[in-house]
Structure formats: structure tokens, C-alpha cells
Protein backbone atom coordinates (compact mmCIF):
# COMPACT_ATOMS: atom_id res chain seq x y z
CA MET A 1 -0.03 -0.11 0.03
CA THR A 2 1.53 3.32 -0.98
CA ASN A 3 0.45 6.87 0.34
CA SER A 4 -0.94 8.60 -2.84
CA ASN A 5 -1.89 11.42 -0.60
CA ARG A 6 0.97 14.00 -0.81
CA SER A 7 0.59 16.86 1.39
CA PRO A 8 -2.13 18.82 -0.01
CA THR A 9 -1.68 22.55 -0.96
CA PRO A 10 -4.01 24.89 1.07
CA ASN A 11 -6.17 25.27 -2.10
CA THR A 12 -7.08 21.65 -2.03
CA ILE A 13 -8.08 21.23 1.66
CA PRO A 14 -11.94 21.28 2.11
CA SER A 15 -13.07 24.04 4.50
CA ASN A 16 -14.91 21.43 6.49
CA ASP A 17 -11.88 18.95 6.85
CA ARG A 18 -10.66 18.94 10.48
CA ILE A 19 -7.07 18.56 11.71
CA LEU A 20 -6.95 15.82 14.12
CA ARG A 21 -4.39 15.58 16.85
CA TRP A 22 -2.72 12.35 18.02
CA PRO A 23 -5.21 11.15 20.69
CA GLU A 24 -8.02 11.24 18.14
CA VAL A 25 -6.02 9.59 15.41
CA HIS A 26 -5.12 6.84 17.65
CA GLN A 27 -8.66 6.36 18.86
CA ARG A 28 -9.69 5.82 15.22
CA VAL A 29 -7.00 3.85 13.91
CA GLY A 30 -5.87 1.68 16.91
CA ILE A 31 -2.03 1.86 16.38
CA CYS A 32 0.47 3.18 18.63
CA ARG A 33 2.23 6.50 17.52
CA SER A 34 5.54 4.75 16.79
CA HIS A 35 3.94 2.40 14.28
CA ALA A 36 2.22 5.14 12.72
CA HIS A 37 5.36 7.04 12.10
CA GLN A 38 6.97 3.84 10.81
CA LEU A 39 4.12 3.61 8.33
CA VAL A 40 4.57 7.17 7.37
CA ALA A 41 8.25 6.52 6.67
CA GLN A 42 7.15 3.69 4.30
CA GLY A 43 4.52 5.71 2.63
CA GLU A 44 1.71 3.58 3.96
CA PHE A 45 0.19 6.26 6.27
CA PRO A 46 -0.89 9.88 5.91
CA GLU A 47 1.92 12.35 6.73
CA PRO A 48 1.12 14.65 9.75
CA ILE A 49 1.00 18.36 9.26
CA LYS A 50 3.40 20.45 11.31
CA LEU A 51 1.32 22.83 13.45
CA GLY A 52 4.05 24.24 15.37
CA PRO A 53 7.42 23.33 16.99
CA ARG A 54 5.90 20.77 19.18
CA ALA A 55 2.50 19.97 17.67
CA SER A 56 1.39 18.10 14.45
CA GLY A 57 -2.03 16.88 13.24
CA TRP A 58 -3.53 14.73 10.52
CA LEU A 59 -6.30 15.61 8.06
CA GLU A 60 -9.47 13.90 9.01
CA SER A 61 -10.27 13.15 5.24
CA GLU A 62 -6.64 11.52 4.89
CA ILE A 63 -7.26 9.20 7.99
CA ASN A 64 -10.60 8.43 6.79
CA GLU A 65 -9.39 7.40 3.34
CA TRP A 66 -6.65 5.31 4.92
CA LEU A 67 -9.27 3.43 7.06
CA VAL A 68 -11.30 2.81 3.96
CA ARG A 69 -8.36 1.37 1.97
CA ARG A 70 -7.34 -0.81 5.17
CA VAL A 71 -10.94 -2.30 5.38
CA ALA A 72 -11.03 -2.94 1.59
CA GLU A 73 -7.67 -4.65 1.77
CA SER A 74 -8.73 -6.66 4.73
CA ARG A 75 -12.00 -8.01 2.91
CA THR A 76 -9.88 -8.74 -0.31
CA ASP A 77 -7.44 -10.71 1.83
CA GLN A 78 -10.44 -12.58 3.44
CA LEU A 79 -11.91 -13.27 0.20
CA ARG A 80 -8.66 -14.58 -1.30
CA LYS A 81 -8.30 -17.02 1.73
CA ALA A 82 -11.63 -18.17 1.61
CA GLY A 83 -11.42 -19.08 -2.13
CA SER A 84 -8.16 -21.14 -1.50
């Protein structure tokens, strides 16, 4: 899985898109912070947006898209295994 979501320019961010901080991202995706950063380095998780010297966040739309892809991949894997 590759991250086709490059950091969007300000003109491409919908006005209703929220920036999520880590506690909410963690609650939604269920992985630890270090694993999320490892996946970012591999291009498999959305890159955080730097909000300040000690703060980052993730676009809610990118997290939602990542979750949709993960569910789709999981279902595809399950169907493949069931067909074996």
C-alpha cells in the first residue's frame, strides 16, 4: 500500500476538513504512535501536518481514506483466503 496522498496545498483542503491531533487519530486507527510514524516513513500512512514546534496533526479526510483502504484490503485478503 502506498501513500498517494501527498501533502495537499491549502487550495485543495476542504474548508470542513478537520485537523486531528494524535489522541483522536489513535482512537480511530488503533495503532501506536511509533507504528504510525513507521508507516509514514514507508509511505503507508498519511503524513502529519506540522502545526508548530511541538505540535502536529492529521487531516481527517486522509485518515478516513486510509481506514477505507485498510478495510477494503482486509476484505480482499479474507475473500482470497476463503477461495483457497
